[in-house]
Every structure is written in structure tokens, then in C-alpha cells.
Amino acid sequence: TDPKLGPLANHGGPTKTYALLEGSPAIDAAAPSSINVDQRGQPFTRSIDGNVDGDAKPDIGAFEFNAK
């Protein structure tokens, strides 16, 4: 399965990440309760309806896709 990832790049955090591209199977694919802190252990909630199906769930990985 093609994960549909962009190149490794700086997306505003302390670590470079791979952006999810439109149509990535990782978009909205994580369990909502599985992610509650960032890489530093700080509370972090992220749930954007990236695949625009009406159900906002976190994406798999360090990048949260936003279908604006």
C-alpha cells in the first residue's frame, strides 16, 4: 500500500516529519484515544476531519492532514 507521504521536511515542530498527502490511508486512521501527548510528553489533542467524512479522528504518525 502506498502511504502517500510527502518529503521529509520542517512542518513547524522540533523534528522533521513526512506530510500526509491527500488520499493517504493514514488520514483519520488512528484510534481517538491513542494520542494524547506530543513527543515531549506535553498534552496535545489533535483531531481534524482530514478525509471530510464527518468523523474527526487523529491521523497515524506525527503529521495531521488538514483538507482545507
PDB file of N, CA and C in Angstrom:
ATOM      1  N   THR A   1       0.844  -1.186   0.000  1.00  0.00           N
ATOM      2  CA  THR A   1       0.000   0.000   0.000  1.00  0.00           C
ATOM      3  C   THR A   1       0.885   1.243   0.000  1.00  0.00           C
ATOM      4  N   ASP A   2       0.607   2.156  -0.891  1.00  0.00           N
ATOM      5  CA  ASP A   2       1.333   3.424  -0.960  1.00  0.00           C
ATOM      6  C   ASP A   2       0.858   4.316   0.184  1.00  0.00           C
ATOM      7  N   PRO A   3       1.746   4.720   1.117  1.00  0.00           N
ATOM      8  CA  PRO A   3       1.321   5.562   2.235  1.00  0.00           C
ATOM      9  C   PRO A   3       1.023   7.006   1.839  1.00  0.00           C
ATOM     10  N   LYS A   4       1.398   7.391   0.634  1.00  0.00           N
ATOM     11  CA  LYS A   4       1.184   8.754   0.122  1.00  0.00           C
ATOM     12  C   LYS A   4       1.741   9.798   1.087  1.00  0.00           C
ATOM     13  N   LEU A   5       3.071   9.804   1.196  1.00  0.00           N
ATOM     14  CA  LEU A   5       3.789  10.737   2.059  1.00  0.00           C
ATOM     15  C   LEU A   5       4.559  11.740   1.220  1.00  0.00           C
ATOM     16  N   GLY A   6       4.640  12.971   1.717  1.00  0.00           N
ATOM     17  CA  GLY A   6       5.477  13.981   1.091  1.00  0.00           C
ATOM     18  C   GLY A   6       6.914  13.782   1.536  1.00  0.00           C
ATOM     19  N   PRO A   7       7.820  14.648   1.113  1.00  0.00           N
ATOM     20  CA  PRO A   7       9.224  14.530   1.515  1.00  0.00           C
ATOM     21  C   PRO A   7       9.421  14.898   2.988  1.00  0.00           C
ATOM     22  N   LEU A   8      10.488  14.382   3.582  1.00  0.00           N
ATOM     23  CA  LEU A   8      10.851  14.737   4.947  1.00  0.00           C
ATOM     24  C   LEU A   8      11.135  16.231   4.985  1.00  0.00           C
ATOM     25  N   ALA A   9      10.436  16.968   5.867  1.00  0.00           N
ATOM     26  CA  ALA A   9      10.563  18.428   5.866  1.00  0.00           C
ATOM     27  C   ALA A   9      10.213  19.008   7.233  1.00  0.00           C
ATOM     28  N   ASN A  10      10.491  20.279   7.404  1.00  0.00           N
ATOM     29  CA  ASN A  10      10.150  21.010   8.621  1.00  0.00           C
ATOM     30  C   ASN A  10       8.714  21.510   8.491  1.00  0.00           C
ATOM     31  N   HIS A  11       7.845  21.022   9.361  1.00  0.00           N
ATOM     32  CA  HIS A  11       6.444  21.438   9.364  1.00  0.00           C
ATOM     33  C   HIS A  11       6.098  22.206  10.634  1.00  0.00           C
ATOM     34  N   GLY A  12       7.103  22.864  11.220  1.00  0.00           N
ATOM     35  CA  GLY A  12       6.857  23.732  12.364  1.00  0.00           C
ATOM     36  C   GLY A  12       7.179  23.159  13.722  1.00  0.00           C
ATOM     37  N   GLY A  13       7.606  21.928  13.814  1.00  0.00           N
ATOM     38  CA  GLY A  13       7.944  21.344  15.106  1.00  0.00           C
ATOM     39  C   GLY A  13       9.441  21.177  15.257  1.00  0.00           C
ATOM     40  N   PRO A  14       9.878  20.579  16.372  1.00  0.00           N
ATOM     41  CA  PRO A  14      11.306  20.402  16.612  1.00  0.00           C
ATOM     42  C   PRO A  14      11.931  19.267  15.795  1.00  0.00           C
ATOM     43  N   THR A  15      11.105  18.448  15.159  1.00  0.00           N
ATOM     44  CA  THR A  15      11.584  17.304  14.394  1.00  0.00           C
ATOM     45  C   THR A  15      10.994  17.345  12.989  1.00  0.00           C
ATOM     46  N   LYS A  16      11.798  17.028  11.989  1.00  0.00           N
ATOM     47  CA  LYS A  16      11.266  16.953  10.626  1.00  0.00           C
ATOM     48  C   LYS A  16      10.275  15.794  10.534  1.00  0.00           C
ATOM     49  N   THR A  17       9.247  15.973   9.728  1.00  0.00           N
ATOM     50  CA  THR A  17       8.212  14.955   9.575  1.00  0.00           C
ATOM     51  C   THR A  17       7.866  14.766   8.102  1.00  0.00           C
ATOM     52  N   TYR A  18       7.193  13.674   7.832  1.00  0.00           N
ATOM     53  CA  TYR A  18       6.656  13.415   6.497  1.00  0.00           C
ATOM     54  C   TYR A  18       5.204  13.872   6.492  1.00  0.00           C
ATOM     55  N   ALA A  19       4.852  14.765   5.606  1.00  0.00           N
ATOM     56  CA  ALA A  19       3.465  15.205   5.488  1.00  0.00           C
ATOM     57  C   ALA A  19       2.643  14.105   4.829  1.00  0.00           C
ATOM     58  N   LEU A  20       1.406  13.976   5.264  1.00  0.00           N
ATOM     59  CA  LEU A  20       0.481  13.073   4.597  1.00  0.00           C
ATOM     60  C   LEU A  20      -0.084  13.786   3.380  1.00  0.00           C
ATOM     61  N   LEU A  21      -0.145  13.093   2.279  1.00  0.00           N
ATOM     62  CA  LEU A  21      -0.715  13.660   1.065  1.00  0.00           C
ATOM     63  C   LEU A  21      -2.184  13.253   0.961  1.00  0.00           C
ATOM     64  N   GLU A  22      -2.948  14.008   0.212  1.00  0.00           N
ATOM     65  CA  GLU A  22      -4.365  13.706   0.030  1.00  0.00           C
ATOM     66  C   GLU A  22      -4.538  12.258  -0.416  1.00  0.00           C
ATOM     67  N   GLY A  23      -5.463  11.557   0.225  1.00  0.00           N
ATOM     68  CA  GLY A  23      -5.716  10.161  -0.106  1.00  0.00           C
ATOM     69  C   GLY A  23      -4.871   9.164   0.660  1.00  0.00           C
ATOM     70  N   SER A  24      -4.015   9.636   1.576  1.00  0.00           N
ATOM     71  CA  SER A  24      -3.177   8.729   2.359  1.00  0.00           C
ATOM     72  C   SER A  24      -4.056   7.837   3.242  1.00  0.00           C
ATOM     73  N   PRO A  25      -3.746   6.533   3.315  1.00  0.00           N
ATOM     74  CA  PRO A  25      -4.518   5.654   4.186  1.00  0.00           C
ATOM     75  C   PRO A  25      -4.299   5.948   5.673  1.00  0.00           C
ATOM     76  N   ALA A  26      -3.321   6.778   6.014  1.00  0.00           N
ATOM     77  CA  ALA A  26      -3.059   7.139   7.412  1.00  0.00           C
ATOM     78  C   ALA A  26      -3.983   8.252   7.914  1.00  0.00           C
ATOM     79  N   ILE A  27      -4.693   8.930   7.004  1.00  0.00           N
ATOM     80  CA  ILE A  27      -5.578  10.033   7.394  1.00  0.00           C
ATOM     81  C   ILE A  27      -6.791   9.479   8.133  1.00  0.00           C
ATOM     82  N   ASP A  28      -7.039  10.036   9.325  1.00  0.00           N
ATOM     83  CA  ASP A  28      -8.167   9.638  10.182  1.00  0.00           C
ATOM     84  C   ASP A  28      -8.158   8.142  10.499  1.00  0.00           C
ATOM     85  N   ALA A  29      -6.983   7.540  10.609  1.00  0.00           N
ATOM     86  CA  ALA A  29      -6.894   6.094  10.798  1.00  0.00           C
ATOM     87  C   ALA A  29      -6.440   5.663  12.190  1.00  0.00           C
ATOM     88  N   ALA A  30      -6.150   6.600  13.092  1.00  0.00           N
ATOM     89  CA  ALA A  30      -5.721   6.241  14.452  1.00  0.00           C
ATOM     90  C   ALA A  30      -6.930   6.219  15.383  1.00  0.00           C
ATOM     91  N   ALA A  31      -6.826   5.442  16.439  1.00  0.00           N
ATOM     92  CA  ALA A  31      -7.881   5.425  17.455  1.00  0.00           C
ATOM     93  C   ALA A  31      -7.867   6.769  18.181  1.00  0.00           C
ATOM     94  N   PRO A  32      -9.032   7.394  18.375  1.00  0.00           N
ATOM     95  CA  PRO A  32      -9.082   8.721  19.009  1.00  0.00           C
ATOM     96  C   PRO A  32      -8.396   8.792  20.371  1.00  0.00           C
ATOM     97  N   SER A  33      -8.404   7.719  21.131  1.00  0.00           N
ATOM     98  CA  SER A  33      -7.794   7.748  22.460  1.00  0.00           C
ATOM     99  C   SER A  33      -6.317   7.392  22.449  1.00  0.00           C
ATOM    100  N   SER A  34      -5.747   7.092  21.282  1.00  0.00           N
ATOM    101  CA  SER A  34      -4.368   6.612  21.225  1.00  0.00           C
ATOM    102  C   SER A  34      -3.322   7.714  21.308  1.00  0.00           C
ATOM    103  N   ILE A  35      -3.708   8.958  21.082  1.00  0.00           N
ATOM    104  CA  ILE A  35      -2.739  10.052  21.052  1.00  0.00           C
ATOM    105  C   ILE A  35      -3.197  11.151  21.997  1.00  0.00           C
ATOM    106  N   ASN A  36      -2.446  11.360  23.078  1.00  0.00           N
ATOM    107  CA  ASN A  36      -2.837  12.424  23.996  1.00  0.00           C
ATOM    108  C   ASN A  36      -1.669  13.293  24.446  1.00  0.00           C
ATOM    109  N   VAL A  37      -0.450  12.972  23.996  1.00  0.00           N
ATOM    110  CA  VAL A  37       0.712  13.810  24.300  1.00  0.00           C
ATOM    111  C   VAL A  37       1.585  13.929  23.053  1.00  0.00           C
ATOM    112  N   ASP A  38       2.397  14.997  23.005  1.00  0.00           N
ATOM    113  CA  ASP A  38       3.325  15.155  21.885  1.00  0.00           C
ATOM    114  C   ASP A  38       4.645  14.466  22.219  1.00  0.00           C
ATOM    115  N   GLN A  39       5.663  14.641  21.365  1.00  0.00           N
ATOM    116  CA  GLN A  39       6.938  13.943  21.568  1.00  0.00           C
ATOM    117  C   GLN A  39       7.668  14.364  22.833  1.00  0.00           C
ATOM    118  N   ARG A  40       7.270  15.496  23.421  1.00  0.00           N
ATOM    119  CA  ARG A  40       7.885  15.964  24.665  1.00  0.00           C
ATOM    120  C   ARG A  40       7.101  15.526  25.889  1.00  0.00           C
ATOM    121  N   GLY A  41       5.981  14.828  25.682  1.00  0.00           N
ATOM    122  CA  GLY A  41       5.142  14.404  26.792  1.00  0.00           C
ATOM    123  C   GLY A  41       4.129  15.454  27.211  1.00  0.00           C
ATOM    124  N   GLN A  42       4.001  16.518  26.441  1.00  0.00           N
ATOM    125  CA  GLN A  42       3.046  17.585  26.745  1.00  0.00           C
ATOM    126  C   GLN A  42       1.661  17.215  26.209  1.00  0.00           C
ATOM    127  N   PRO A  43       0.599  17.555  26.959  1.00  0.00           N
ATOM    128  CA  PRO A  43      -0.756  17.267  26.470  1.00  0.00           C
ATOM    129  C   PRO A  43      -0.973  17.867  25.082  1.00  0.00           C
ATOM    130  N   PHE A  44      -1.560  17.081  24.217  1.00  0.00           N
ATOM    131  CA  PHE A  44      -1.761  17.510  22.839  1.00  0.00           C
ATOM    132  C   PHE A  44      -2.937  16.748  22.246  1.00  0.00           C
ATOM    133  N   THR A  45      -3.979  17.460  21.923  1.00  0.00           N
ATOM    134  CA  THR A  45      -5.145  16.838  21.304  1.00  0.00           C
ATOM    135  C   THR A  45      -5.196  17.248  19.849  1.00  0.00           C
ATOM    136  N   ARG A  46      -5.309  16.301  18.984  1.00  0.00           N
ATOM    137  CA  ARG A  46      -5.419  16.622  17.563  1.00  0.00           C
ATOM    138  C   ARG A  46      -6.427  15.690  16.906  1.00  0.00           C
ATOM    139  N   SER A  47      -7.455  16.260  16.427  1.00  0.00           N
ATOM    140  CA  SER A  47      -8.460  15.525  15.676  1.00  0.00           C
ATOM    141  C   SER A  47      -9.067  16.472  14.666  1.00  0.00           C
ATOM    142  N   ILE A  48      -8.660  16.321  13.437  1.00  0.00           N
ATOM    143  CA  ILE A  48      -9.188  17.106  12.330  1.00  0.00           C
ATOM    144  C   ILE A  48      -9.826  16.110  11.372  1.00  0.00           C
ATOM    145  N   ASP A  49     -10.969  16.441  10.838  1.00  0.00           N
ATOM    146  CA  ASP A  49     -11.628  15.555   9.884  1.00  0.00           C
ATOM    147  C   ASP A  49     -10.916  15.648   8.541  1.00  0.00           C
ATOM    148  N   GLY A  50      -9.758  15.034   8.458  1.00  0.00           N
ATOM    149  CA  GLY A  50      -8.901  15.140   7.278  1.00  0.00           C
ATOM    150  C   GLY A  50      -9.472  14.523   6.020  1.00  0.00           C
ATOM    151  N   ASN A  51     -10.295  13.475   6.174  1.00  0.00           N
ATOM    152  CA  ASN A  51     -10.873  12.862   4.978  1.00  0.00           C
ATOM    153  C   ASN A  51     -12.299  13.349   4.720  1.00  0.00           C
ATOM    154  N   VAL A  52     -12.739  14.334   5.492  1.00  0.00           N
ATOM    155  CA  VAL A  52     -14.021  15.027   5.321  1.00  0.00           C
ATOM    156  C   VAL A  52     -15.195  14.042   5.231  1.00  0.00           C
ATOM    157  N   ASP A  53     -15.221  13.089   6.191  1.00  0.00           N
ATOM    158  CA  ASP A  53     -16.331  12.143   6.219  1.00  0.00           C
ATOM    159  C   ASP A  53     -17.291  12.426   7.370  1.00  0.00           C
ATOM    160  N   GLY A  54     -17.068  13.549   8.080  1.00  0.00           N
ATOM    161  CA  GLY A  54     -17.934  13.924   9.189  1.00  0.00           C
ATOM    162  C   GLY A  54     -17.510  13.349  10.526  1.00  0.00           C
ATOM    163  N   ASP A  55     -16.405  12.597  10.568  1.00  0.00           N
ATOM    164  CA  ASP A  55     -15.916  11.977  11.796  1.00  0.00           C
ATOM    165  C   ASP A  55     -14.446  12.338  11.987  1.00  0.00           C
ATOM    166  N   ALA A  56     -14.171  13.306  12.868  1.00  0.00           N
ATOM    167  CA  ALA A  56     -12.798  13.765  13.101  1.00  0.00           C
ATOM    168  C   ALA A  56     -12.051  12.774  13.982  1.00  0.00           C
ATOM    169  N   LYS A  57     -10.998  12.164  13.438  1.00  0.00           N
ATOM    170  CA  LYS A  57     -10.134  11.245  14.179  1.00  0.00           C
ATOM    171  C   LYS A  57      -8.691  11.621  13.894  1.00  0.00           C
ATOM    172  N   PRO A  58      -7.772  11.274  14.801  1.00  0.00           N
ATOM    173  CA  PRO A  58      -6.363  11.584  14.539  1.00  0.00           C
ATOM    174  C   PRO A  58      -5.805  10.737  13.397  1.00  0.00           C
ATOM    175  N   ASP A  59      -4.780  11.282  12.765  1.00  0.00           N
ATOM    176  CA  ASP A  59      -4.072  10.548  11.718  1.00  0.00           C
ATOM    177  C   ASP A  59      -2.981   9.693  12.349  1.00  0.00           C
ATOM    178  N   ILE A  60      -2.539   8.687  11.641  1.00  0.00           N
ATOM    179  CA  ILE A  60      -1.410   7.880  12.088  1.00  0.00           C
ATOM    180  C   ILE A  60      -0.135   8.655  11.770  1.00  0.00           C
ATOM    181  N   GLY A  61       0.763   8.761  12.734  1.00  0.00           N
ATOM    182  CA  GLY A  61       2.032   9.451  12.522  1.00  0.00           C
ATOM    183  C   GLY A  61       2.065  10.823  13.161  1.00  0.00           C
ATOM    184  N   ALA A  62       3.138  11.546  12.887  1.00  0.00           N
ATOM    185  CA  ALA A  62       3.389  12.834  13.534  1.00  0.00           C
ATOM    186  C   ALA A  62       2.719  14.006  12.836  1.00  0.00           C
ATOM    187  N   PHE A  63       2.110  13.782  11.705  1.00  0.00           N
ATOM    188  CA  PHE A  63       1.532  14.866  10.906  1.00  0.00           C
ATOM    189  C   PHE A  63       0.017  14.725  10.876  1.00  0.00           C
ATOM    190  N   GLU A  64      -0.690  15.824  11.041  1.00  0.00           N
ATOM    191  CA  GLU A  64      -2.152  15.820  10.960  1.00  0.00           C
ATOM    192  C   GLU A  64      -2.572  16.523   9.673  1.00  0.00           C
ATOM    193  N   PHE A  65      -3.174  15.761   8.766  1.00  0.00           N
ATOM    194  CA  PHE A  65      -3.602  16.294   7.471  1.00  0.00           C
ATOM    195  C   PHE A  65      -4.828  17.181   7.655  1.00  0.00           C
ATOM    196  N   ASN A  66      -4.851  18.307   6.966  1.00  0.00           N
ATOM    197  CA  ASN A  66      -5.988  19.224   7.027  1.00  0.00           C
ATOM    198  C   ASN A  66      -6.464  19.492   5.607  1.00  0.00           C
ATOM    199  N   ALA A  67      -7.625  18.975   5.273  1.00  0.00           N
ATOM    200  CA  ALA A  67      -8.165  19.108   3.911  1.00  0.00           C
ATOM    201  C   ALA A  67      -8.890  20.434   3.747  1.00  0.00           C
ATOM    202  N   LYS A  68      -8.137  21.526   3.730  1.00  0.00           N
ATOM    203  CA  LYS A  68      -8.746  22.854   3.567  1.00  0.00           C
ATOM    204  C   LYS A  68      -9.024  23.128   2.123  1.00  0.00           C
TER     205      LYS A  68
END
